[in-house]
């Protein structure tokens, strides 16, 4: 197994909704880190930057500068950009996973639609960013307040803190090549990179690490409230699909850059379209299932949601 330790940690830069939670659990089982560090930085924070208003239980998850991160970490994992971790841990072994950009986007949208007011209770005014997912897909993709989360998110995560990235502005096409180049430069600095569409990504990572990784699945949202369940035939009508592709255009180029190395015999366009159709089919089947019996948590969520509607100030605290 690779030699890891303080000053030389394994750093998993987890791009949101790329099967990273499952991978993190598998890595922790194998590595048994003595100093595990997790959290997020400001790479994907949009126009909801009222971090001071977030409750301490959530605010302490943020690393505002590289210097905020502990130097003695033996494993780091979270939505922390390589721009932050590579500055703090220049000798660290950095790894990441890319996912079909359109699939990643739909997964994120569905995840947001599954969140209750109870889930958002620690976020104060910043919770409004999560509530945007309750809008139809097209309106979601048009909302500038969450631009970093819906506009070439993988590119933004990799290129951060690039001077051309703005929190509440969509990326102008004139910047595409510049940001693509910045993303490639950052990807080339990683010790190991793969795409989730590669059936062998777990085996490849285990071979690189020098240890077999156990299979693990986590953070899959199997329950979306009935009122939040979308009709994908409607949501993905041609104009919205075109906008979705536009919001993913640089991310697709970065995905193709990695796929060309790890899936050299595959047709990238076929892999991406196949991944999207498979995911839409899976989501449709999942969301067509009848709601099961209420769990204790769901009862608490519903009561909390009712109280919040009666007293909207609760959601802003």
C-alpha atoms as a PDB file:
ATOM      1  CA  UNK A   1       0.000   0.000   0.000  1.00  0.00           C
ATOM      2  CA  UNK A   2       1.139   3.539  -0.658  1.00  0.00           C
ATOM      3  CA  UNK A   3       2.932   5.270   2.168  1.00  0.00           C
ATOM      4  CA  UNK A   4       0.622   7.959   3.552  1.00  0.00           C
ATOM      5  CA  UNK A   5       0.805  10.092   6.650  1.00  0.00           C
ATOM      6  CA  UNK A   6       0.951  13.625   8.047  1.00  0.00           C
ATOM      7  CA  UNK A   7       2.293  15.937   5.386  1.00  0.00           C
ATOM      8  CA  UNK A   8       1.636  13.248   2.779  1.00  0.00           C
ATOM      9  CA  UNK A   9      -2.088  12.466   3.031  1.00  0.00           C
ATOM     10  CA  UNK A  10      -4.469  10.872   0.568  1.00  0.00           C
ATOM     11  CA  UNK A  11      -6.682  13.714  -0.660  1.00  0.00           C
ATOM     12  CA  UNK A  12      -9.958  12.851  -2.377  1.00  0.00           C
ATOM     13  CA  UNK A  13     -11.313  16.002  -4.014  1.00  0.00           C
ATOM     14  CA  UNK A  14     -14.963  15.003  -4.145  1.00  0.00           C
ATOM     15  CA  UNK A  15     -16.932  16.717  -6.901  1.00  0.00           C
ATOM     16  CA  UNK A  16     -20.593  16.732  -5.765  1.00  0.00           C
ATOM     17  CA  UNK A  17     -22.786  13.901  -7.043  1.00  0.00           C
ATOM     18  CA  UNK A  18     -20.024  11.752  -8.517  1.00  0.00           C
ATOM     19  CA  UNK A  19     -20.473   8.656  -6.311  1.00  0.00           C
ATOM     20  CA  UNK A  20     -17.901  10.142  -3.956  1.00  0.00           C
ATOM     21  CA  UNK A  21     -19.581   9.320  -0.660  1.00  0.00           C
ATOM     22  CA  UNK A  22     -19.396   5.607  -1.449  1.00  0.00           C
ATOM     23  CA  UNK A  23     -15.769   5.915  -2.472  1.00  0.00           C
ATOM     24  CA  UNK A  24     -14.924   7.836   0.681  1.00  0.00           C
ATOM     25  CA  UNK A  25     -16.364   5.068   2.850  1.00  0.00           C
ATOM     26  CA  UNK A  26     -14.390   2.436   0.955  1.00  0.00           C
ATOM     27  CA  UNK A  27     -11.160   4.414   1.300  1.00  0.00           C
ATOM     28  CA  UNK A  28     -11.699   4.917   5.020  1.00  0.00           C
ATOM     29  CA  UNK A  29     -12.246   1.183   5.544  1.00  0.00           C
ATOM     30  CA  UNK A  30      -8.949   0.413   3.839  1.00  0.00           C
ATOM     31  CA  UNK A  31      -6.796   3.280   5.101  1.00  0.00           C
ATOM     32  CA  UNK A  32      -8.138   3.609   8.659  1.00  0.00           C
ATOM     33  CA  UNK A  33      -6.817   7.193   8.791  1.00  0.00           C
ATOM     34  CA  UNK A  34      -5.530   8.486  12.122  1.00  0.00           C
ATOM     35  CA  UNK A  35      -6.436  12.087  11.219  1.00  0.00           C
ATOM     36  CA  UNK A  36      -9.401  12.343   8.876  1.00  0.00           C
ATOM     37  CA  UNK A  37     -10.329  15.796   7.593  1.00  0.00           C
ATOM     38  CA  UNK A  38     -13.532  16.569   5.737  1.00  0.00           C
ATOM     39  CA  UNK A  39     -15.601  19.614   4.836  1.00  0.00           C
ATOM     40  CA  UNK A  40     -15.893  22.059   1.958  1.00  0.00           C
ATOM     41  CA  UNK A  41     -14.345  25.258   0.691  1.00  0.00           C
ATOM     42  CA  UNK A  42     -15.838  28.204  -1.213  1.00  0.00           C
ATOM     43  CA  UNK A  43     -15.288  26.826  -4.725  1.00  0.00           C
ATOM     44  CA  UNK A  44     -18.981  26.168  -5.383  1.00  0.00           C
ATOM     45  CA  UNK A  45     -20.543  28.837  -3.160  1.00  0.00           C
ATOM     46  CA  UNK A  46     -22.843  31.057  -5.221  1.00  0.00           C
ATOM     47  CA  UNK A  47     -24.801  34.144  -4.297  1.00  0.00           C
ATOM     48  CA  UNK A  48     -25.789  32.643  -0.947  1.00  0.00           C
ATOM     49  CA  UNK A  49     -22.530  33.529   0.777  1.00  0.00           C
ATOM     50  CA  UNK A  50     -24.071  34.493   4.111  1.00  0.00           C
ATOM     51  CA  UNK A  51     -21.805  31.986   5.795  1.00  0.00           C
ATOM     52  CA  UNK A  52     -21.791  33.931   9.063  1.00  0.00           C
ATOM     53  CA  UNK A  53     -25.538  33.301   9.369  1.00  0.00           C
ATOM     54  CA  UNK A  54     -25.149  29.533   9.080  1.00  0.00           C
ATOM     55  CA  UNK A  55     -25.392  27.703  12.382  1.00  0.00           C
ATOM     56  CA  UNK A  56     -22.021  26.709  13.892  1.00  0.00           C
ATOM     57  CA  UNK A  57     -22.750  23.023  13.310  1.00  0.00           C
ATOM     58  CA  UNK A  58     -22.614  23.691   9.556  1.00  0.00           C
ATOM     59  CA  UNK A  59     -20.267  26.698   9.471  1.00  0.00           C
ATOM     60  CA  UNK A  60     -17.404  24.744  11.040  1.00  0.00           C
ATOM     61  CA  UNK A  61     -17.398  22.519   7.929  1.00  0.00           C
ATOM     62  CA  UNK A  62     -16.012  25.360   5.811  1.00  0.00           C
ATOM     63  CA  UNK A  63     -12.364  25.973   5.047  1.00  0.00           C
ATOM     64  CA  UNK A  64     -12.090  29.594   3.958  1.00  0.00           C
ATOM     65  CA  UNK A  65      -8.377  29.421   3.144  1.00  0.00           C
ATOM     66  CA  UNK A  66      -5.877  26.587   2.664  1.00  0.00           C
ATOM     67  CA  UNK A  67      -4.282  27.565   5.981  1.00  0.00           C
ATOM     68  CA  UNK A  68      -7.514  26.648   7.790  1.00  0.00           C
ATOM     69  CA  UNK A  69      -6.894  22.974   7.068  1.00  0.00           C
ATOM     70  CA  UNK A  70      -4.907  20.950   9.645  1.00  0.00           C
ATOM     71  CA  UNK A  71      -1.420  20.025   8.494  1.00  0.00           C
ATOM     72  CA  UNK A  72      -1.379  16.648  10.250  1.00  0.00           C
ATOM     73  CA  UNK A  73      -4.173  15.115   8.136  1.00  0.00           C
ATOM     74  CA  UNK A  74      -3.580  11.563   6.920  1.00  0.00           C
ATOM     75  CA  UNK A  75      -6.719  11.503   4.757  1.00  0.00           C
ATOM     76  CA  UNK A  76      -8.749  14.396   3.362  1.00  0.00           C
ATOM     77  CA  UNK A  77     -12.107  14.052   1.638  1.00  0.00           C
ATOM     78  CA  UNK A  78     -14.892  16.480   0.919  1.00  0.00           C
ATOM     79  CA  UNK A  79     -16.167  19.086  -1.510  1.00  0.00           C
ATOM     80  CA  UNK A  80     -12.817  20.840  -1.217  1.00  0.00           C
ATOM     81  CA  UNK A  81     -11.269  21.978  -4.472  1.00  0.00           C
ATOM     82  CA  UNK A  82      -7.749  20.988  -5.497  1.00  0.00           C
ATOM     83  CA  UNK A  83      -6.940  24.696  -5.582  1.00  0.00           C
ATOM     84  CA  UNK A  84      -7.251  24.617  -1.793  1.00  0.00           C
ATOM     85  CA  UNK A  85      -5.824  21.190  -0.988  1.00  0.00           C
ATOM     86  CA  UNK A  86      -2.879  21.304  -3.372  1.00  0.00           C
ATOM     87  CA  UNK A  87      -1.819  24.573  -1.775  1.00  0.00           C
ATOM     88  CA  UNK A  88      -2.061  23.068   1.726  1.00  0.00           C
ATOM     89  CA  UNK A  89      -0.800  19.561   0.972  1.00  0.00           C
ATOM     90  CA  UNK A  90       1.641  19.905  -1.954  1.00  0.00           C
ATOM     91  CA  UNK A  91       3.070  16.441  -1.176  1.00  0.00           C
ATOM     92  CA  UNK A  92      -0.337  14.811  -0.852  1.00  0.00           C
ATOM     93  CA  UNK A  93      -1.644  12.099  -3.178  1.00  0.00           C
ATOM     94  CA  UNK A  94      -4.625  13.763  -4.850  1.00  0.00           C
ATOM     95  CA  UNK A  95      -7.379  11.740  -6.535  1.00  0.00           C
ATOM     96  CA  UNK A  96     -10.764  12.585  -8.043  1.00  0.00           C
ATOM     97  CA  UNK A  97     -13.636  11.164 -10.091  1.00  0.00           C
ATOM     98  CA  UNK A  98     -15.544  12.778 -12.942  1.00  0.00           C
ATOM     99  CA  UNK A  99     -19.066  11.783 -13.927  1.00  0.00           C
ATOM    100  CA  UNK A 100     -21.203  12.309 -17.014  1.00  0.00           C
ATOM    101  CA  UNK A 101     -21.950  16.035 -16.537  1.00  0.00           C
ATOM    102  CA  UNK A 102     -25.631  15.819 -17.495  1.00  0.00           C
ATOM    103  CA  UNK A 103     -26.168  12.861 -15.166  1.00  0.00           C
ATOM    104  CA  UNK A 104     -24.334  14.649 -12.366  1.00  0.00           C
ATOM    105  CA  UNK A 105     -26.610  17.648 -12.838  1.00  0.00           C
ATOM    106  CA  UNK A 106     -29.825  15.623 -12.733  1.00  0.00           C
ATOM    107  CA  UNK A 107     -28.603  13.750  -9.662  1.00  0.00           C
ATOM    108  CA  UNK A 108     -27.915  17.046  -7.919  1.00  0.00           C
ATOM    109  CA  UNK A 109     -31.332  18.441  -8.878  1.00  0.00           C
ATOM    110  CA  UNK A 110     -33.121  15.357  -7.557  1.00  0.00           C
ATOM    111  CA  UNK A 111     -31.046  15.425  -4.386  1.00  0.00           C
ATOM    112  CA  UNK A 112     -32.087  19.030  -3.794  1.00  0.00           C
ATOM    113  CA  UNK A 113     -35.748  18.153  -4.355  1.00  0.00           C
ATOM    114  CA  UNK A 114     -35.516  15.430  -1.714  1.00  0.00           C
ATOM    115  CA  UNK A 115     -34.341  17.802   1.027  1.00  0.00           C
ATOM    116  CA  UNK A 116     -36.892  18.831   3.638  1.00  0.00           C
ATOM    117  CA  UNK A 117     -36.902  21.946   5.778  1.00  0.00           C
ATOM    118  CA  UNK A 118     -35.681  19.701   8.567  1.00  0.00           C
ATOM    119  CA  UNK A 119     -32.639  18.781   6.437  1.00  0.00           C
ATOM    120  CA  UNK A 120     -31.952  22.486   5.863  1.00  0.00           C
ATOM    121  CA  UNK A 121     -32.446  23.661   9.434  1.00  0.00           C
ATOM    122  CA  UNK A 122     -28.738  24.393  10.044  1.00  0.00           C
ATOM    123  CA  UNK A 123     -28.237  26.560   6.970  1.00  0.00           C
ATOM    124  CA  UNK A 124     -30.214  29.659   7.937  1.00  0.00           C
ATOM    125  CA  UNK A 125     -30.719  32.134   5.050  1.00  0.00           C
ATOM    126  CA  UNK A 126     -28.289  30.136   2.896  1.00  0.00           C
ATOM    127  CA  UNK A 127     -30.891  27.338   2.735  1.00  0.00           C
ATOM    128  CA  UNK A 128     -32.646  29.291  -0.020  1.00  0.00           C
ATOM    129  CA  UNK A 129     -30.016  27.957  -2.415  1.00  0.00           C
ATOM    130  CA  UNK A 130     -31.137  24.379  -1.786  1.00  0.00           C
ATOM    131  CA  UNK A 131     -34.818  25.288  -2.209  1.00  0.00           C
ATOM    132  CA  UNK A 132     -34.165  26.384  -5.799  1.00  0.00           C
ATOM    133  CA  UNK A 133     -34.103  22.684  -6.728  1.00  0.00           C
ATOM    134  CA  UNK A 134     -37.835  22.617  -6.045  1.00  0.00           C
ATOM    135  CA  UNK A 135     -38.328  24.619  -9.247  1.00  0.00           C
ATOM    136  CA  UNK A 136     -38.808  22.904 -12.627  1.00  0.00           C
ATOM    137  CA  UNK A 137     -35.530  21.864 -14.230  1.00  0.00           C
ATOM    138  CA  UNK A 138     -35.410  24.710 -16.742  1.00  0.00           C
ATOM    139  CA  UNK A 139     -35.918  27.379 -14.076  1.00  0.00           C
ATOM    140  CA  UNK A 140     -33.328  25.633 -11.920  1.00  0.00           C
ATOM    141  CA  UNK A 141     -30.799  25.804 -14.750  1.00  0.00           C
ATOM    142  CA  UNK A 142     -31.519  29.503 -15.282  1.00  0.00           C
ATOM    143  CA  UNK A 143     -31.024  30.603 -11.656  1.00  0.00           C
ATOM    144  CA  UNK A 144     -27.898  32.765 -11.404  1.00  0.00           C
ATOM    145  CA  UNK A 145     -27.750  32.633  -7.613  1.00  0.00           C
ATOM    146  CA  UNK A 146     -26.561  29.023  -7.827  1.00  0.00           C
ATOM    147  CA  UNK A 147     -24.411  29.455 -10.952  1.00  0.00           C
ATOM    148  CA  UNK A 148     -21.424  27.481  -9.568  1.00  0.00           C
ATOM    149  CA  UNK A 149     -23.664  24.457  -8.972  1.00  0.00           C
ATOM    150  CA  UNK A 150     -25.394  24.408 -12.364  1.00  0.00           C
ATOM    151  CA  UNK A 151     -22.899  25.902 -14.801  1.00  0.00           C
ATOM    152  CA  UNK A 152     -19.938  23.639 -15.630  1.00  0.00           C
ATOM    153  CA  UNK A 153     -19.569  22.670 -11.994  1.00  0.00           C
ATOM    154  CA  UNK A 154     -16.714  20.221 -12.505  1.00  0.00           C
ATOM    155  CA  UNK A 155     -14.740  22.870 -14.391  1.00  0.00           C
ATOM    156  CA  UNK A 156     -15.345  25.423 -11.650  1.00  0.00           C
ATOM    157  CA  UNK A 157     -14.360  22.960  -8.944  1.00  0.00           C
ATOM    158  CA  UNK A 158     -11.121  22.063 -10.703  1.00  0.00           C
ATOM    159  CA  UNK A 159     -10.141  25.578 -11.830  1.00  0.00           C
ATOM    160  CA  UNK A 160     -10.961  27.389  -8.561  1.00  0.00           C
ATOM    161  CA  UNK A 161      -9.852  30.073  -7.668  1.00  0.00           C
ATOM    162  CA  UNK A 162      -9.536  31.119 -11.321  1.00  0.00           C
ATOM    163  CA  UNK A 163     -10.030  34.852 -11.737  1.00  0.00           C
ATOM    164  CA  UNK A 164     -12.648  34.409 -14.499  1.00  0.00           C
ATOM    165  CA  UNK A 165     -15.088  32.497 -12.285  1.00  0.00           C
ATOM    166  CA  UNK A 166     -17.937  34.560 -10.818  1.00  0.00           C
ATOM    167  CA  UNK A 167     -20.343  33.399  -8.123  1.00  0.00           C
ATOM    168  CA  UNK A 168     -23.534  34.712  -9.729  1.00  0.00           C
ATOM    169  CA  UNK A 169     -22.615  34.750 -13.419  1.00  0.00           C
ATOM    170  CA  UNK A 170     -22.744  32.006 -16.003  1.00  0.00           C
ATOM    171  CA  UNK A 171     -19.518  31.379 -17.897  1.00  0.00           C
ATOM    172  CA  UNK A 172     -19.302  33.308 -21.162  1.00  0.00           C
ATOM    173  CA  UNK A 173     -18.433  31.093 -24.124  1.00  0.00           C
ATOM    174  CA  UNK A 174     -15.430  33.297 -24.858  1.00  0.00           C
ATOM    175  CA  UNK A 175     -13.841  31.843 -21.701  1.00  0.00           C
ATOM    176  CA  UNK A 176     -14.438  28.186 -22.548  1.00  0.00           C
ATOM    177  CA  UNK A 177     -10.980  27.398 -23.903  1.00  0.00           C
ATOM    178  CA  UNK A 178      -9.224  29.257 -21.090  1.00  0.00           C
ATOM    179  CA  UNK A 179     -11.152  27.433 -18.379  1.00  0.00           C
ATOM    180  CA  UNK A 180     -10.864  24.089 -20.144  1.00  0.00           C
ATOM    181  CA  UNK A 181      -7.098  24.533 -20.223  1.00  0.00           C
ATOM    182  CA  UNK A 182      -7.097  25.439 -16.518  1.00  0.00           C
ATOM    183  CA  UNK A 183      -9.135  22.324 -15.763  1.00  0.00           C
ATOM    184  CA  UNK A 184      -6.809  20.081 -17.764  1.00  0.00           C
ATOM    185  CA  UNK A 185      -3.755  21.563 -16.069  1.00  0.00           C
ATOM    186  CA  UNK A 186      -5.262  20.811 -12.675  1.00  0.00           C
ATOM    187  CA  UNK A 187      -6.327  17.287 -13.698  1.00  0.00           C
ATOM    188  CA  UNK A 188      -2.821  16.547 -14.895  1.00  0.00           C
ATOM    189  CA  UNK A 189      -1.533  17.429 -11.416  1.00  0.00           C
ATOM    190  CA  UNK A 190      -3.597  14.633  -9.797  1.00  0.00           C
ATOM    191  CA  UNK A 191      -2.031  11.339  -8.816  1.00  0.00           C
ATOM    192  CA  UNK A 192      -5.075   9.387 -10.016  1.00  0.00           C
ATOM    193  CA  UNK A 193      -8.193  10.368 -11.993  1.00  0.00           C
ATOM    194  CA  UNK A 194     -11.035   8.325 -13.472  1.00  0.00           C
ATOM    195  CA  UNK A 195     -14.668   8.548 -14.594  1.00  0.00           C
ATOM    196  CA  UNK A 196     -17.539   6.789 -12.865  1.00  0.00           C
ATOM    197  CA  UNK A 197     -18.679   5.391 -16.225  1.00  0.00           C
ATOM    198  CA  UNK A 198     -15.554   3.218 -16.286  1.00  0.00           C
ATOM    199  CA  UNK A 199     -16.662  -0.206 -14.950  1.00  0.00           C
ATOM    200  CA  UNK A 200     -13.093  -0.757 -13.739  1.00  0.00           C
ATOM    201  CA  UNK A 201     -12.616   2.511 -11.879  1.00  0.00           C
ATOM    202  CA  UNK A 202     -12.679   0.793  -8.466  1.00  0.00           C
ATOM    203  CA  UNK A 203     -10.226  -1.895  -9.538  1.00  0.00           C
ATOM    204  CA  UNK A 204      -7.930   0.702 -11.135  1.00  0.00           C
ATOM    205  CA  UNK A 205      -7.942   2.815  -8.002  1.00  0.00           C
ATOM    206  CA  UNK A 206      -7.258  -0.218  -5.817  1.00  0.00           C
ATOM    207  CA  UNK A 207      -4.342  -1.212  -8.034  1.00  0.00           C
ATOM    208  CA  UNK A 208      -2.920   2.316  -7.822  1.00  0.00           C
ATOM    209  CA  UNK A 209      -3.437   2.409  -4.053  1.00  0.00           C
ATOM    210  CA  UNK A 210      -2.024  -1.056  -3.527  1.00  0.00           C
ATOM    211  CA  UNK A 211      -5.087  -2.392  -1.726  1.00  0.00           C
ATOM    212  CA  UNK A 212      -8.388  -3.906  -2.817  1.00  0.00           C
ATOM    213  CA  UNK A 213     -11.304  -1.557  -2.190  1.00  0.00           C
ATOM    214  CA  UNK A 214     -14.554  -2.969  -0.757  1.00  0.00           C
ATOM    215  CA  UNK A 215     -17.781  -2.255  -2.591  1.00  0.00           C
ATOM    216  CA  UNK A 216     -19.807   0.467  -0.946  1.00  0.00           C
ATOM    217  CA  UNK A 217     -22.955   2.393  -1.854  1.00  0.00           C
ATOM    218  CA  UNK A 218     -24.060   5.413   0.133  1.00  0.00           C
ATOM    219  CA  UNK A 219     -25.873   8.739  -0.128  1.00  0.00           C
ATOM    220  CA  UNK A 220     -28.368   7.455  -2.683  1.00  0.00           C
ATOM    221  CA  UNK A 221     -31.632   9.328  -2.374  1.00  0.00           C
ATOM    222  CA  UNK A 222     -34.299   6.699  -2.848  1.00  0.00           C
ATOM    223  CA  UNK A 223     -37.096   8.841  -1.457  1.00  0.00           C
ATOM    224  CA  UNK A 224     -38.287  12.066  -3.062  1.00  0.00           C
ATOM    225  CA  UNK A 225     -41.576  13.530  -1.767  1.00  0.00           C
ATOM    226  CA  UNK A 226     -44.448  12.765  -4.119  1.00  0.00           C
ATOM    227  CA  UNK A 227     -45.035  16.466  -4.779  1.00  0.00           C
ATOM    228  CA  UNK A 228     -41.392  16.837  -5.839  1.00  0.00           C
ATOM    229  CA  UNK A 229     -41.270  13.874  -8.219  1.00  0.00           C
ATOM    230  CA  UNK A 230     -40.685  15.153 -11.769  1.00  0.00           C
ATOM    231  CA  UNK A 231     -41.913  13.864 -15.101  1.00  0.00           C
ATOM    232  CA  UNK A 232     -38.686  13.546 -17.070  1.00  0.00           C
ATOM    233  CA  UNK A 233     -40.497  13.483 -20.417  1.00  0.00           C
ATOM    234  CA  UNK A 234     -41.724  16.972 -19.600  1.00  0.00           C
ATOM    235  CA  UNK A 235     -38.656  18.249 -17.791  1.00  0.00           C
ATOM    236  CA  UNK A 236     -36.262  17.158 -20.539  1.00  0.00           C
ATOM    237  CA  UNK A 237     -38.185  18.638 -23.458  1.00  0.00           C
ATOM    238  CA  UNK A 238     -35.842  19.730 -26.307  1.00  0.00           C
ATOM    239  CA  UNK A 239     -35.255  23.326 -25.205  1.00  0.00           C
ATOM    240  CA  UNK A 240     -34.407  22.294 -21.648  1.00  0.00           C
ATOM    241  CA  UNK A 241     -32.166  19.472 -22.851  1.00  0.00           C
ATOM    242  CA  UNK A 242     -30.346  22.009 -25.020  1.00  0.00           C
ATOM    243  CA  UNK A 243     -29.866  24.292 -22.013  1.00  0.00           C
ATOM    244  CA  UNK A 244     -28.678  21.339 -19.917  1.00  0.00           C
ATOM    245  CA  UNK A 245     -26.063  20.510 -22.546  1.00  0.00           C
ATOM    246  CA  UNK A 246     -24.979  24.154 -22.678  1.00  0.00           C
ATOM    247  CA  UNK A 247     -24.508  24.263 -18.913  1.00  0.00           C
ATOM    248  CA  UNK A 248     -22.298  21.155 -19.198  1.00  0.00           C
ATOM    249  CA  UNK A 249     -20.304  22.021 -22.321  1.00  0.00           C
ATOM    250  CA  UNK A 250     -16.852  22.537 -20.722  1.00  0.00           C
ATOM    251  CA  UNK A 251     -17.421  19.719 -18.243  1.00  0.00           C
ATOM    252  CA  UNK A 252     -18.078  17.369 -21.168  1.00  0.00           C
ATOM    253  CA  UNK A 253     -14.716  18.316 -22.694  1.00  0.00           C
ATOM    254  CA  UNK A 254     -12.959  17.602 -19.385  1.00  0.00           C
ATOM    255  CA  UNK A 255     -14.790  14.296 -19.014  1.00  0.00           C
ATOM    256  CA  UNK A 256     -13.731  13.366 -22.550  1.00  0.00           C
ATOM    257  CA  UNK A 257     -10.135  14.315 -21.726  1.00  0.00           C
ATOM    258  CA  UNK A 258     -10.093  11.760 -18.907  1.00  0.00           C
ATOM    259  CA  UNK A 259     -12.200   9.151 -20.721  1.00  0.00           C
ATOM    260  CA  UNK A 260      -9.779   9.143 -23.645  1.00  0.00           C
ATOM    261  CA  UNK A 261      -7.151   7.783 -21.241  1.00  0.00           C
ATOM    262  CA  UNK A 262      -9.221   5.333 -19.197  1.00  0.00           C
ATOM    263  CA  UNK A 263     -11.723   4.228 -21.894  1.00  0.00           C
ATOM    264  CA  UNK A 264      -9.573   4.436 -25.039  1.00  0.00           C
ATOM    265  CA  UNK A 265     -11.699   2.009 -27.056  1.00  0.00           C
ATOM    266  CA  UNK A 266     -15.068   3.590 -26.244  1.00  0.00           C
ATOM    267  CA  UNK A 267     -17.013   6.200 -28.199  1.00  0.00           C
ATOM    268  CA  UNK A 268     -17.279   9.114 -25.711  1.00  0.00           C
ATOM    269  CA  UNK A 269     -20.542  10.410 -27.164  1.00  0.00           C
ATOM    270  CA  UNK A 270     -22.150   6.977 -26.922  1.00  0.00           C
ATOM    271  CA  UNK A 271     -20.961   6.506 -23.335  1.00  0.00           C
ATOM    272  CA  UNK A 272     -22.324   9.902 -22.267  1.00  0.00           C
ATOM    273  CA  UNK A 273     -25.692   9.494 -23.970  1.00  0.00           C
ATOM    274  CA  UNK A 274     -26.005   5.932 -22.723  1.00  0.00           C
ATOM    275  CA  UNK A 275     -25.253   7.040 -19.167  1.00  0.00           C
ATOM    276  CA  UNK A 276     -27.913   9.749 -19.388  1.00  0.00           C
ATOM    277  CA  UNK A 277     -30.615   7.467 -20.766  1.00  0.00           C
ATOM    278  CA  UNK A 278     -29.802   4.760 -18.220  1.00  0.00           C
ATOM    279  CA  UNK A 279     -29.968   7.250 -15.355  1.00  0.00           C
ATOM    280  CA  UNK A 280     -33.253   8.785 -16.523  1.00  0.00           C
ATOM    281  CA  UNK A 281     -34.730   5.293 -16.785  1.00  0.00           C
ATOM    282  CA  UNK A 282     -33.482   4.433 -13.287  1.00  0.00           C
ATOM    283  CA  UNK A 283     -34.757   7.681 -11.778  1.00  0.00           C
ATOM    284  CA  UNK A 284     -38.134   7.248 -13.475  1.00  0.00           C
ATOM    285  CA  UNK A 285     -38.481   3.715 -12.132  1.00  0.00           C
ATOM    286  CA  UNK A 286     -37.399   4.791  -8.661  1.00  0.00           C
ATOM    287  CA  UNK A 287     -39.799   7.724  -8.531  1.00  0.00           C
ATOM    288  CA  UNK A 288     -42.735   5.700  -9.815  1.00  0.00           C
ATOM    289  CA  UNK A 289     -42.661   3.494  -6.739  1.00  0.00           C
ATOM    290  CA  UNK A 290     -45.434   4.186  -4.221  1.00  0.00           C
ATOM    291  CA  UNK A 291     -44.426   5.935  -1.036  1.00  0.00           C
ATOM    292  CA  UNK A 292     -43.642   3.456   1.696  1.00  0.00           C
ATOM    293  CA  UNK A 293     -44.661   3.595   5.352  1.00  0.00           C
ATOM    294  CA  UNK A 294     -43.490   6.718   7.142  1.00  0.00           C
ATOM    295  CA  UNK A 295     -40.278   6.376   9.101  1.00  0.00           C
ATOM    296  CA  UNK A 296     -39.743   8.164  12.399  1.00  0.00           C
ATOM    297  CA  UNK A 297     -37.490  10.672  10.660  1.00  0.00           C
ATOM    298  CA  UNK A 298     -40.117  11.388   8.001  1.00  0.00           C
ATOM    299  CA  UNK A 299     -42.690  12.062  10.704  1.00  0.00           C
ATOM    300  CA  UNK A 300     -40.277  14.526  12.327  1.00  0.00           C
ATOM    301  CA  UNK A 301     -39.597  16.133   8.930  1.00  0.00           C
ATOM    302  CA  UNK A 302     -43.290  16.616   8.218  1.00  0.00           C
ATOM    303  CA  UNK A 303     -43.991  18.124  11.603  1.00  0.00           C
ATOM    304  CA  UNK A 304     -41.002  20.440  11.219  1.00  0.00           C
ATOM    305  CA  UNK A 305     -42.133  21.464   7.721  1.00  0.00           C
ATOM    306  CA  UNK A 306     -45.611  22.330   9.014  1.00  0.00           C
ATOM    307  CA  UNK A 307     -44.189  24.373  11.882  1.00  0.00           C
ATOM    308  CA  UNK A 308     -41.857  26.165   9.458  1.00  0.00           C
ATOM    309  CA  UNK A 309     -44.762  27.089   7.167  1.00  0.00           C
ATOM    310  CA  UNK A 310     -46.663  28.480  10.133  1.00  0.00           C
ATOM    311  CA  UNK A 311     -43.603  30.431  11.288  1.00  0.00           C
ATOM    312  CA  UNK A 312     -41.398  31.229   8.231  1.00  0.00           C
ATOM    313  CA  UNK A 313     -38.910  33.032  10.494  1.00  0.00           C
ATOM    314  CA  UNK A 314     -37.800  29.610  11.746  1.00  0.00           C
ATOM    315  CA  UNK A 315     -36.363  28.821   8.300  1.00  0.00           C
ATOM    316  CA  UNK A 316     -34.293  32.022   8.343  1.00  0.00           C
ATOM    317  CA  UNK A 317     -32.694  31.494  11.744  1.00  0.00           C
END
